[in-house]
Amino acid sequence: MSTRTLVSPAALARPRGRAVYWTVFTAVVVLFAIAFLFPVYWMVTGAMKSPDEVAQTPPSLVPKQWHSSGYTDAWDLMQLPQHLWNTVVQAAGAWLFQLVFCTAAAYALSKLKPAFGKVILGGILATLMVPAQALVVPKYLTVADLPLIHTSLLNDPLAIWLPAVANAFNLYLLKRFFDQIPRDVLEAAEIDGAGKLRTLWSIVLPMSRPVLGVVSIFALVAVWQDFLWPLMVFSDTGKQPISVALVQLSQNIQLTVLIAAMVIASIPMVALFLVFQRHIIAGISAGSTKG
């Protein structure tokens, strides 16, 4: 069966056709690379300009004089180590809670087939239809006065961790992946005497590394970039994450220092993506195939 392509094999076989193809291909790749990398370059070099040069019109592409003091001032004046640590604690806890409970719930709905499982899954997916802004007030009232035990979770990382567990999208993503695991594999584990929990730990989770990597990235990025919810639950400035601190402490800070702080705050997420990009691509492709 022949496959239709934008450029025919006959055209690619000719020297002129190959030259045109590779010229267009290279130009498109370069344009996309510039479009994505130029904002990063602008931020990194903007922090190294003087305040007057950042504000000048037209802007300069290369700093006239390179100043590294913007990064050192941002590190000290904006207390970045403390706020970055707060963010790491909040993101790591939300990731761990979400991975444990979402994985357990997805495994139960996919393989254990509980009573009214489809109704429960439908109710969970229905929460995706509710705008996130509509849930802010109920969530705040809940963490401010936790039901049954009547304690406040304000200024406590649990106020970030517990709401993050209820992530319908990640739960559905995990369930869809578990649905594709062959039943024969689980039955073989049952014959060998493995219980449900042992099967999950020794069989299902090792096979699910790609999708677990994707869910981990989603969970960490969601907490790292969140602004409104941490702003509401952390009135203590010493416990605020980096996303809130950058806004709260930027009132009397020079623009170059603020740009430097944003560059430093974005480094962990960029590094995380670069390290785990293979797992992300593998997880996305794993969800498209069965078996």
C-alpha atoms as a PDB file:
ATOM      1  CA  MET A   1       0.000   0.000   0.000  1.00  0.00           C
ATOM      2  CA  SER A   2       1.515   3.346  -1.079  1.00  0.00           C
ATOM      3  CA  THR A   3       1.799   6.207   1.392  1.00  0.00           C
ATOM      4  CA  ARG A   4       1.049   9.765   0.405  1.00  0.00           C
ATOM      5  CA  THR A   5       3.600  12.357   1.471  1.00  0.00           C
ATOM      6  CA  LEU A   6       3.941  16.087   1.020  1.00  0.00           C
ATOM      7  CA  VAL A   7       7.021  15.564  -1.145  1.00  0.00           C
ATOM      8  CA  SER A   8       7.076  12.610  -3.515  1.00  0.00           C
ATOM      9  CA  PRO A   9       9.960  10.095  -3.405  1.00  0.00           C
ATOM     10  CA  ALA A  10      10.696  10.942  -7.050  1.00  0.00           C
ATOM     11  CA  ALA A  11      11.217  14.614  -6.159  1.00  0.00           C
ATOM     12  CA  LEU A  12      13.491  13.673  -3.241  1.00  0.00           C
ATOM     13  CA  ALA A  13      15.540  11.472  -5.541  1.00  0.00           C
ATOM     14  CA  ARG A  14      16.562  14.498  -7.591  1.00  0.00           C
ATOM     15  CA  PRO A  15      19.408  16.728  -6.259  1.00  0.00           C
ATOM     16  CA  ARG A  16      17.336  19.892  -6.591  1.00  0.00           C
ATOM     17  CA  GLY A  17      14.387  18.295  -4.775  1.00  0.00           C
ATOM     18  CA  ARG A  18      16.613  17.182  -1.895  1.00  0.00           C
ATOM     19  CA  ALA A  19      18.197  20.643  -1.654  1.00  0.00           C
ATOM     20  CA  VAL A  20      14.807  22.389  -1.509  1.00  0.00           C
ATOM     21  CA  TYR A  21      13.450  19.881   1.011  1.00  0.00           C
ATOM     22  CA  TRP A  22      16.365  20.214   3.425  1.00  0.00           C
ATOM     23  CA  THR A  23      16.463  23.996   3.033  1.00  0.00           C
ATOM     24  CA  VAL A  24      12.782  24.320   3.958  1.00  0.00           C
ATOM     25  CA  PHE A  25      13.111  21.746   6.755  1.00  0.00           C
ATOM     26  CA  THR A  26      16.140  23.503   8.282  1.00  0.00           C
ATOM     27  CA  ALA A  27      14.475  26.917   8.039  1.00  0.00           C
ATOM     28  CA  VAL A  28      11.340  25.681   9.824  1.00  0.00           C
ATOM     29  CA  VAL A  29      13.361  24.010  12.595  1.00  0.00           C
ATOM     30  CA  VAL A  30      15.470  27.132  13.109  1.00  0.00           C
ATOM     31  CA  LEU A  31      12.406  29.399  13.221  1.00  0.00           C
ATOM     32  CA  PHE A  32      10.694  27.193  15.819  1.00  0.00           C
ATOM     33  CA  ALA A  33      13.899  27.015  17.865  1.00  0.00           C
ATOM     34  CA  ILE A  34      14.205  30.805  17.850  1.00  0.00           C
ATOM     35  CA  ALA A  35      10.534  31.232  18.764  1.00  0.00           C
ATOM     36  CA  PHE A  36      10.889  28.975  21.814  1.00  0.00           C
ATOM     37  CA  LEU A  37      14.421  29.858  22.944  1.00  0.00           C
ATOM     38  CA  PHE A  38      14.380  33.623  22.413  1.00  0.00           C
ATOM     39  CA  PRO A  39      12.155  34.363  25.468  1.00  0.00           C
ATOM     40  CA  VAL A  40      14.552  32.303  27.604  1.00  0.00           C
ATOM     41  CA  TYR A  41      17.532  34.226  26.223  1.00  0.00           C
ATOM     42  CA  TRP A  42      15.692  37.507  26.809  1.00  0.00           C
ATOM     43  CA  MET A  43      15.078  36.663  30.476  1.00  0.00           C
ATOM     44  CA  VAL A  44      18.601  35.414  31.176  1.00  0.00           C
ATOM     45  CA  THR A  45      20.316  38.390  29.549  1.00  0.00           C
ATOM     46  CA  GLY A  46      17.735  40.891  30.835  1.00  0.00           C
ATOM     47  CA  ALA A  47      18.807  40.139  34.388  1.00  0.00           C
ATOM     48  CA  MET A  48      22.379  41.029  33.415  1.00  0.00           C
ATOM     49  CA  LYS A  49      21.524  44.495  32.087  1.00  0.00           C
ATOM     50  CA  SER A  50      21.426  47.711  34.043  1.00  0.00           C
ATOM     51  CA  PRO A  51      17.951  48.943  35.127  1.00  0.00           C
ATOM     52  CA  ASP A  52      18.114  51.807  32.609  1.00  0.00           C
ATOM     53  CA  GLU A  53      19.059  49.499  29.758  1.00  0.00           C
ATOM     54  CA  VAL A  54      16.164  47.122  30.510  1.00  0.00           C
ATOM     55  CA  ALA A  55      13.675  50.004  30.317  1.00  0.00           C
ATOM     56  CA  GLN A  56      15.137  51.697  27.234  1.00  0.00           C
ATOM     57  CA  THR A  57      13.339  51.856  23.890  1.00  0.00           C
ATOM     58  CA  PRO A  58      14.192  50.233  21.525  1.00  0.00           C
ATOM     59  CA  PRO A  59      15.525  47.363  23.650  1.00  0.00           C
ATOM     60  CA  SER A  60      19.030  46.021  23.151  1.00  0.00           C
ATOM     61  CA  LEU A  61      19.507  42.373  22.210  1.00  0.00           C
ATOM     62  CA  VAL A  62      22.897  42.107  23.936  1.00  0.00           C
ATOM     63  CA  PRO A  63      23.724  43.839  27.233  1.00  0.00           C
ATOM     64  CA  LYS A  64      26.150  46.738  26.810  1.00  0.00           C
ATOM     65  CA  GLN A  65      27.705  45.787  30.121  1.00  0.00           C
ATOM     66  CA  TRP A  66      27.243  42.422  31.785  1.00  0.00           C
ATOM     67  CA  HIS A  67      26.163  42.586  35.434  1.00  0.00           C
ATOM     68  CA  SER A  68      25.866  39.351  37.416  1.00  0.00           C
ATOM     69  CA  SER A  69      24.794  41.259  40.527  1.00  0.00           C
ATOM     70  CA  GLY A  70      21.125  40.843  39.536  1.00  0.00           C
ATOM     71  CA  TYR A  71      21.266  37.136  40.336  1.00  0.00           C
ATOM     72  CA  THR A  72      23.164  37.526  43.597  1.00  0.00           C
ATOM     73  CA  ASP A  73      20.834  40.327  44.736  1.00  0.00           C
ATOM     74  CA  ALA A  74      17.776  38.224  43.859  1.00  0.00           C
ATOM     75  CA  TRP A  75      19.175  35.269  45.813  1.00  0.00           C
ATOM     76  CA  ASP A  76      19.729  37.386  48.939  1.00  0.00           C
ATOM     77  CA  LEU A  77      17.123  40.180  48.865  1.00  0.00           C
ATOM     78  CA  MET A  78      14.164  37.986  47.898  1.00  0.00           C
ATOM     79  CA  GLN A  79      15.149  35.121  50.217  1.00  0.00           C
ATOM     80  CA  LEU A  80      15.005  32.642  47.349  1.00  0.00           C
ATOM     81  CA  PRO A  81      16.579  29.664  49.197  1.00  0.00           C
ATOM     82  CA  GLN A  82      13.829  29.699  51.836  1.00  0.00           C
ATOM     83  CA  HIS A  83      10.971  30.081  49.347  1.00  0.00           C
ATOM     84  CA  LEU A  84      12.424  27.515  46.965  1.00  0.00           C
ATOM     85  CA  TRP A  85      12.651  25.041  49.842  1.00  0.00           C
ATOM     86  CA  ASN A  86       9.025  25.776  50.773  1.00  0.00           C
ATOM     87  CA  THR A  87       8.026  25.035  47.187  1.00  0.00           C
ATOM     88  CA  VAL A  88      10.035  21.806  47.105  1.00  0.00           C
ATOM     89  CA  VAL A  89       8.357  20.587  50.316  1.00  0.00           C
ATOM     90  CA  GLN A  90       4.878  21.451  49.054  1.00  0.00           C
ATOM     91  CA  ALA A  91       5.446  19.972  45.579  1.00  0.00           C
ATOM     92  CA  ALA A  92       7.099  16.787  46.876  1.00  0.00           C
ATOM     93  CA  GLY A  93       4.326  16.136  49.401  1.00  0.00           C
ATOM     94  CA  ALA A  94       1.585  16.743  46.826  1.00  0.00           C
ATOM     95  CA  TRP A  95       3.383  14.451  44.381  1.00  0.00           C
ATOM     96  CA  LEU A  96       3.742  11.642  46.935  1.00  0.00           C
ATOM     97  CA  PHE A  97       0.137  11.859  48.171  1.00  0.00           C
ATOM     98  CA  GLN A  98      -1.178  12.016  44.624  1.00  0.00           C
ATOM     99  CA  LEU A  99       0.928   9.130  43.389  1.00  0.00           C
ATOM    100  CA  VAL A 100      -0.110   6.852  46.267  1.00  0.00           C
ATOM    101  CA  PHE A 101      -3.835   7.579  46.381  1.00  0.00           C
ATOM    102  CA  CYS A 102      -4.462   8.119  42.658  1.00  0.00           C
ATOM    103  CA  THR A 103      -2.589   4.922  41.806  1.00  0.00           C
ATOM    104  CA  ALA A 104      -4.523   2.931  44.406  1.00  0.00           C
ATOM    105  CA  ALA A 105      -7.872   4.333  43.245  1.00  0.00           C
ATOM    106  CA  ALA A 106      -7.070   3.802  39.551  1.00  0.00           C
ATOM    107  CA  TYR A 107      -5.944   0.207  40.209  1.00  0.00           C
ATOM    108  CA  ALA A 108      -9.117  -0.522  42.171  1.00  0.00           C
ATOM    109  CA  LEU A 109     -11.388   0.910  39.460  1.00  0.00           C
ATOM    110  CA  SER A 110      -9.490  -0.802  36.649  1.00  0.00           C
ATOM    111  CA  LYS A 111      -8.678  -4.270  37.973  1.00  0.00           C
ATOM    112  CA  LEU A 112     -10.650  -4.909  41.177  1.00  0.00           C
ATOM    113  CA  LYS A 113     -13.997  -3.918  39.602  1.00  0.00           C
ATOM    114  CA  PRO A 114     -15.765  -2.638  42.758  1.00  0.00           C
ATOM    115  CA  ALA A 115     -19.545  -2.313  42.995  1.00  0.00           C
ATOM    116  CA  PHE A 116     -20.808   0.852  41.293  1.00  0.00           C
ATOM    117  CA  GLY A 117     -17.297   1.367  39.899  1.00  0.00           C
ATOM    118  CA  LYS A 118     -18.578   2.987  36.704  1.00  0.00           C
ATOM    119  CA  VAL A 119     -20.816   5.331  38.688  1.00  0.00           C
ATOM    120  CA  ILE A 120     -17.897   6.327  40.910  1.00  0.00           C
ATOM    121  CA  LEU A 121     -15.658   6.900  37.883  1.00  0.00           C
ATOM    122  CA  GLY A 122     -18.389   8.970  36.229  1.00  0.00           C
ATOM    123  CA  GLY A 123     -18.694  11.125  39.350  1.00  0.00           C
ATOM    124  CA  ILE A 124     -14.924  11.618  39.447  1.00  0.00           C
ATOM    125  CA  LEU A 125     -14.795  12.608  35.769  1.00  0.00           C
ATOM    126  CA  ALA A 126     -17.742  14.955  36.273  1.00  0.00           C
ATOM    127  CA  THR A 127     -15.541  17.094  38.525  1.00  0.00           C
ATOM    128  CA  LEU A 128     -13.486  17.960  35.430  1.00  0.00           C
ATOM    129  CA  MET A 129     -16.494  19.949  34.210  1.00  0.00           C
ATOM    130  CA  VAL A 130     -16.392  22.220  37.278  1.00  0.00           C
ATOM    131  CA  PRO A 131     -14.168  25.312  36.851  1.00  0.00           C
ATOM    132  CA  ALA A 132     -11.242  25.370  39.276  1.00  0.00           C
ATOM    133  CA  GLN A 133     -12.229  28.871  40.420  1.00  0.00           C
ATOM    134  CA  ALA A 134     -15.611  27.571  41.620  1.00  0.00           C
ATOM    135  CA  LEU A 135     -13.872  25.176  44.018  1.00  0.00           C
ATOM    136  CA  VAL A 136     -11.604  27.737  45.680  1.00  0.00           C
ATOM    137  CA  VAL A 137     -14.087  28.920  48.338  1.00  0.00           C
ATOM    138  CA  PRO A 138     -15.293  25.413  49.375  1.00  0.00           C
ATOM    139  CA  LYS A 139     -11.684  24.213  49.564  1.00  0.00           C
ATOM    140  CA  TYR A 140     -10.676  27.206  51.675  1.00  0.00           C
ATOM    141  CA  LEU A 141     -13.572  26.728  54.104  1.00  0.00           C
ATOM    142  CA  THR A 142     -12.652  23.041  54.389  1.00  0.00           C
ATOM    143  CA  VAL A 143      -8.956  23.571  55.197  1.00  0.00           C
ATOM    144  CA  ALA A 144      -9.748  26.507  57.493  1.00  0.00           C
ATOM    145  CA  ASP A 145     -11.984  24.263  59.626  1.00  0.00           C
ATOM    146  CA  LEU A 146     -11.349  20.619  58.824  1.00  0.00           C
ATOM    147  CA  PRO A 147     -14.557  18.572  59.250  1.00  0.00           C
ATOM    148  CA  LEU A 148     -14.866  16.164  62.205  1.00  0.00           C
ATOM    149  CA  ILE A 149     -11.597  17.167  63.878  1.00  0.00           C
ATOM    150  CA  HIS A 150     -12.217  20.953  63.560  1.00  0.00           C
ATOM    151  CA  THR A 151      -8.630  22.041  63.100  1.00  0.00           C
ATOM    152  CA  SER A 152      -7.143  24.599  60.740  1.00  0.00           C
ATOM    153  CA  LEU A 153      -4.628  23.647  58.048  1.00  0.00           C
ATOM    154  CA  LEU A 154      -3.834  27.243  57.101  1.00  0.00           C
ATOM    155  CA  ASN A 155      -0.079  27.925  56.908  1.00  0.00           C
ATOM    156  CA  ASP A 156       0.439  24.155  56.831  1.00  0.00           C
ATOM    157  CA  PRO A 157       1.769  22.154  53.834  1.00  0.00           C
ATOM    158  CA  LEU A 158      -1.167  19.757  54.298  1.00  0.00           C
ATOM    159  CA  ALA A 159      -3.370  22.509  52.862  1.00  0.00           C
ATOM    160  CA  ILE A 160      -1.504  21.951  49.585  1.00  0.00           C
ATOM    161  CA  TRP A 161      -1.041  18.191  49.830  1.00  0.00           C
ATOM    162  CA  LEU A 162      -4.593  17.048  50.596  1.00  0.00           C
ATOM    163  CA  PRO A 163      -6.487  19.002  47.872  1.00  0.00           C
ATOM    164  CA  ALA A 164      -3.870  17.875  45.331  1.00  0.00           C
ATOM    165  CA  VAL A 165      -4.896  14.234  45.910  1.00  0.00           C
ATOM    166  CA  ALA A 166      -8.292  14.823  44.269  1.00  0.00           C
ATOM    167  CA  ASN A 167      -6.929  15.012  40.720  1.00  0.00           C
ATOM    168  CA  ALA A 168      -9.464  13.426  38.393  1.00  0.00           C
ATOM    169  CA  PHE A 169      -7.337  13.817  35.265  1.00  0.00           C
ATOM    170  CA  ASN A 170      -4.305  11.966  36.637  1.00  0.00           C
ATOM    171  CA  LEU A 171      -6.533   9.267  38.121  1.00  0.00           C
ATOM    172  CA  TYR A 172      -8.220   8.703  34.751  1.00  0.00           C
ATOM    173  CA  LEU A 173      -4.831   8.690  33.000  1.00  0.00           C
ATOM    174  CA  LEU A 174      -3.601   5.955  35.339  1.00  0.00           C
ATOM    175  CA  LYS A 175      -6.812   3.950  34.991  1.00  0.00           C
ATOM    176  CA  ARG A 176      -6.633   4.010  31.207  1.00  0.00           C
ATOM    177  CA  PHE A 177      -3.072   2.715  31.368  1.00  0.00           C
ATOM    178  CA  PHE A 178      -3.993  -0.046  33.842  1.00  0.00           C
ATOM    179  CA  ASP A 179      -6.854  -1.073  31.539  1.00  0.00           C
ATOM    180  CA  GLN A 180      -4.283  -1.886  28.843  1.00  0.00           C
ATOM    181  CA  ILE A 181      -2.277  -4.289  31.052  1.00  0.00           C
ATOM    182  CA  PRO A 182      -3.139  -7.819  29.864  1.00  0.00           C
ATOM    183  CA  ARG A 183      -5.339  -9.783  32.232  1.00  0.00           C
ATOM    184  CA  ASP A 184      -3.157 -12.862  31.657  1.00  0.00           C
ATOM    185  CA  VAL A 185      -0.259 -11.204  33.477  1.00  0.00           C
ATOM    186  CA  LEU A 186      -2.357 -10.596  36.601  1.00  0.00           C
ATOM    187  CA  GLU A 187      -3.839 -14.092  36.480  1.00  0.00           C
ATOM    188  CA  ALA A 188      -0.333 -15.574  36.304  1.00  0.00           C
ATOM    189  CA  ALA A 189       0.606 -13.600  39.414  1.00  0.00           C
ATOM    190  CA  GLU A 190      -2.539 -14.897  41.134  1.00  0.00           C
ATOM    191  CA  ILE A 191      -1.620 -18.485  40.294  1.00  0.00           C
ATOM    192  CA  ASP A 192       1.814 -17.903  41.837  1.00  0.00           C
ATOM    193  CA  GLY A 193       0.095 -16.881  45.064  1.00  0.00           C
ATOM    194  CA  ALA A 194       0.450 -13.094  44.845  1.00  0.00           C
ATOM    195  CA  GLY A 195      -2.299 -11.090  46.500  1.00  0.00           C
ATOM    196  CA  LYS A 196      -3.861  -7.926  45.130  1.00  0.00           C
ATOM    197  CA  LEU A 197      -1.399  -5.628  46.900  1.00  0.00           C
ATOM    198  CA  ARG A 198       1.623  -7.721  45.923  1.00  0.00           C
ATOM    199  CA  THR A 199       0.437  -7.787  42.318  1.00  0.00           C
ATOM    200  CA  LEU A 200       0.140  -4.005  42.304  1.00  0.00           C
ATOM    201  CA  TRP A 201       3.589  -3.522  43.846  1.00  0.00           C
ATOM    202  CA  SER A 202       5.551  -6.193  41.963  1.00  0.00           C
ATOM    203  CA  ILE A 203       3.754  -6.429  38.610  1.00  0.00           C
ATOM    204  CA  VAL A 204       1.629  -3.384  37.820  1.00  0.00           C
ATOM    205  CA  LEU A 205       3.855  -0.568  39.098  1.00  0.00           C
ATOM    206  CA  PRO A 206       7.066  -1.713  37.334  1.00  0.00           C
ATOM    207  CA  MET A 207       5.086  -1.930  34.078  1.00  0.00           C
ATOM    208  CA  SER A 208       3.620   1.520  34.685  1.00  0.00           C
ATOM    209  CA  ARG A 209       6.835   3.537  34.974  1.00  0.00           C
ATOM    210  CA  PRO A 210       6.166   5.614  31.825  1.00  0.00           C
ATOM    211  CA  VAL A 211       2.709   6.781  32.901  1.00  0.00           C
ATOM    212  CA  LEU A 212       3.885   7.282  36.492  1.00  0.00           C
ATOM    213  CA  GLY A 213       6.571   9.584  35.123  1.00  0.00           C
ATOM    214  CA  VAL A 214       3.977  11.615  33.231  1.00  0.00           C
ATOM    215  CA  VAL A 215       1.702  11.854  36.271  1.00  0.00           C
ATOM    216  CA  SER A 216       4.680  12.904  38.400  1.00  0.00           C
ATOM    217  CA  ILE A 217       5.535  15.742  36.014  1.00  0.00           C
ATOM    218  CA  PHE A 218       1.924  16.935  35.941  1.00  0.00           C
ATOM    219  CA  ALA A 219       1.690  16.825  39.745  1.00  0.00           C
ATOM    220  CA  LEU A 220       4.947  18.697  40.358  1.00  0.00           C
ATOM    221  CA  VAL A 221       4.356  21.367  37.717  1.00  0.00           C
ATOM    222  CA  ALA A 222       0.789  22.001  38.936  1.00  0.00           C
ATOM    223  CA  VAL A 223       1.996  22.785  42.470  1.00  0.00           C
ATOM    224  CA  TRP A 224       5.119  24.653  41.358  1.00  0.00           C
ATOM    225  CA  GLN A 225       3.230  27.107  39.145  1.00  0.00           C
ATOM    226  CA  ASP A 226       0.101  27.484  41.293  1.00  0.00           C
ATOM    227  CA  PHE A 227      -0.406  31.000  42.666  1.00  0.00           C
ATOM    228  CA  LEU A 228      -3.966  31.638  43.865  1.00  0.00           C
ATOM    229  CA  TRP A 229      -4.345  28.700  46.250  1.00  0.00           C
ATOM    230  CA  PRO A 230      -0.971  29.127  48.054  1.00  0.00           C
ATOM    231  CA  LEU A 231      -1.672  32.857  48.304  1.00  0.00           C
ATOM    232  CA  MET A 232      -4.916  32.107  50.157  1.00  0.00           C
ATOM    233  CA  VAL A 233      -3.652  29.459  52.562  1.00  0.00           C
ATOM    234  CA  PHE A 234      -0.212  30.896  53.418  1.00  0.00           C
ATOM    235  CA  SER A 235      -0.517  34.264  55.130  1.00  0.00           C
ATOM    236  CA  ASP A 236       2.850  33.657  56.817  1.00  0.00           C
ATOM    237  CA  THR A 237       5.415  35.047  54.360  1.00  0.00           C
ATOM    238  CA  GLY A 238       8.078  32.713  55.707  1.00  0.00           C
ATOM    239  CA  LYS A 239       6.097  29.675  54.489  1.00  0.00           C
ATOM    240  CA  GLN A 240       5.058  30.967  51.071  1.00  0.00           C
ATOM    241  CA  PRO A 241       6.223  29.175  47.905  1.00  0.00           C
ATOM    242  CA  ILE A 242       8.290  30.879  45.231  1.00  0.00           C
ATOM    243  CA  SER A 243       5.293  31.710  43.004  1.00  0.00           C
ATOM    244  CA  VAL A 244       3.684  33.809  45.750  1.00  0.00           C
ATOM    245  CA  ALA A 245       6.930  35.258  47.122  1.00  0.00           C
ATOM    246  CA  LEU A 246       7.937  36.673  43.731  1.00  0.00           C
ATOM    247  CA  VAL A 247       4.770  38.780  43.679  1.00  0.00           C
ATOM    248  CA  GLN A 248       4.734  39.686  47.367  1.00  0.00           C
ATOM    249  CA  LEU A 249       8.390  40.790  47.474  1.00  0.00           C
ATOM    250  CA  SER A 250       8.528  42.544  44.095  1.00  0.00           C
ATOM    251  CA  GLN A 251       7.103  45.894  45.239  1.00  0.00           C
ATOM    252  CA  ASN A 252      10.386  47.673  45.993  1.00  0.00           C
ATOM    253  CA  ILE A 253      12.709  45.483  43.944  1.00  0.00           C
ATOM    254  CA  GLN A 254      14.533  46.570  40.778  1.00  0.00           C
ATOM    255  CA  LEU A 255      13.249  45.058  37.551  1.00  0.00           C
ATOM    256  CA  THR A 256      16.567  43.326  36.792  1.00  0.00           C
ATOM    257  CA  VAL A 257      16.531  41.653  40.217  1.00  0.00           C
ATOM    258  CA  LEU A 258      12.945  40.489  39.680  1.00  0.00           C
ATOM    259  CA  ILE A 259      13.827  39.048  36.253  1.00  0.00           C
ATOM    260  CA  ALA A 260      16.795  37.242  37.795  1.00  0.00           C
ATOM    261  CA  ALA A 261      14.542  35.795  40.496  1.00  0.00           C
ATOM    262  CA  MET A 262      12.123  34.485  37.849  1.00  0.00           C
ATOM    263  CA  VAL A 263      15.005  32.869  35.963  1.00  0.00           C
ATOM    264  CA  ILE A 264      16.221  31.123  39.123  1.00  0.00           C
ATOM    265  CA  ALA A 265      12.663  30.014  39.982  1.00  0.00           C
ATOM    266  CA  SER A 266      12.220  28.414  36.554  1.00  0.00           C
ATOM    267  CA  ILE A 267      15.478  26.417  36.625  1.00  0.00           C
ATOM    268  CA  PRO A 268      14.170  23.437  38.686  1.00  0.00           C
ATOM    269  CA  MET A 269      11.221  22.805  36.348  1.00  0.00           C
ATOM    270  CA  VAL A 270      13.373  23.134  33.220  1.00  0.00           C
ATOM    271  CA  ALA A 271      15.934  20.734  34.703  1.00  0.00           C
ATOM    272  CA  LEU A 272      13.175  18.314  35.682  1.00  0.00           C
ATOM    273  CA  PHE A 273      11.839  18.260  32.138  1.00  0.00           C
ATOM    274  CA  LEU A 274      15.280  17.796  30.580  1.00  0.00           C
ATOM    275  CA  VAL A 275      16.082  14.896  32.911  1.00  0.00           C
ATOM    276  CA  PHE A 276      12.757  13.086  32.516  1.00  0.00           C
ATOM    277  CA  GLN A 277      11.852  13.978  28.922  1.00  0.00           C
ATOM    278  CA  ARG A 278      12.324  10.353  27.796  1.00  0.00           C
ATOM    279  CA  HIS A 279       9.858   9.151  30.423  1.00  0.00           C
ATOM    280  CA  ILE A 280       7.368  11.844  29.396  1.00  0.00           C
ATOM    281  CA  ILE A 281       7.490  10.864  25.715  1.00  0.00           C
ATOM    282  CA  ALA A 282       7.359   7.156  26.603  1.00  0.00           C
ATOM    283  CA  GLY A 283       4.357   7.724  28.847  1.00  0.00           C
ATOM    284  CA  ILE A 284       2.460   9.661  26.206  1.00  0.00           C
ATOM    285  CA  SER A 285       3.156   7.030  23.527  1.00  0.00           C
ATOM    286  CA  ALA A 286       2.352   4.197  25.942  1.00  0.00           C
ATOM    287  CA  GLY A 287      -1.191   5.482  26.316  1.00  0.00           C
ATOM    288  CA  SER A 288      -1.784   5.197  22.582  1.00  0.00           C
ATOM    289  CA  THR A 289      -0.998   1.497  22.221  1.00  0.00           C
ATOM    290  CA  LYS A 290      -2.597  -1.542  23.737  1.00  0.00           C
ATOM    291  CA  GLY A 291      -0.938  -4.731  24.892  1.00  0.00           C
END
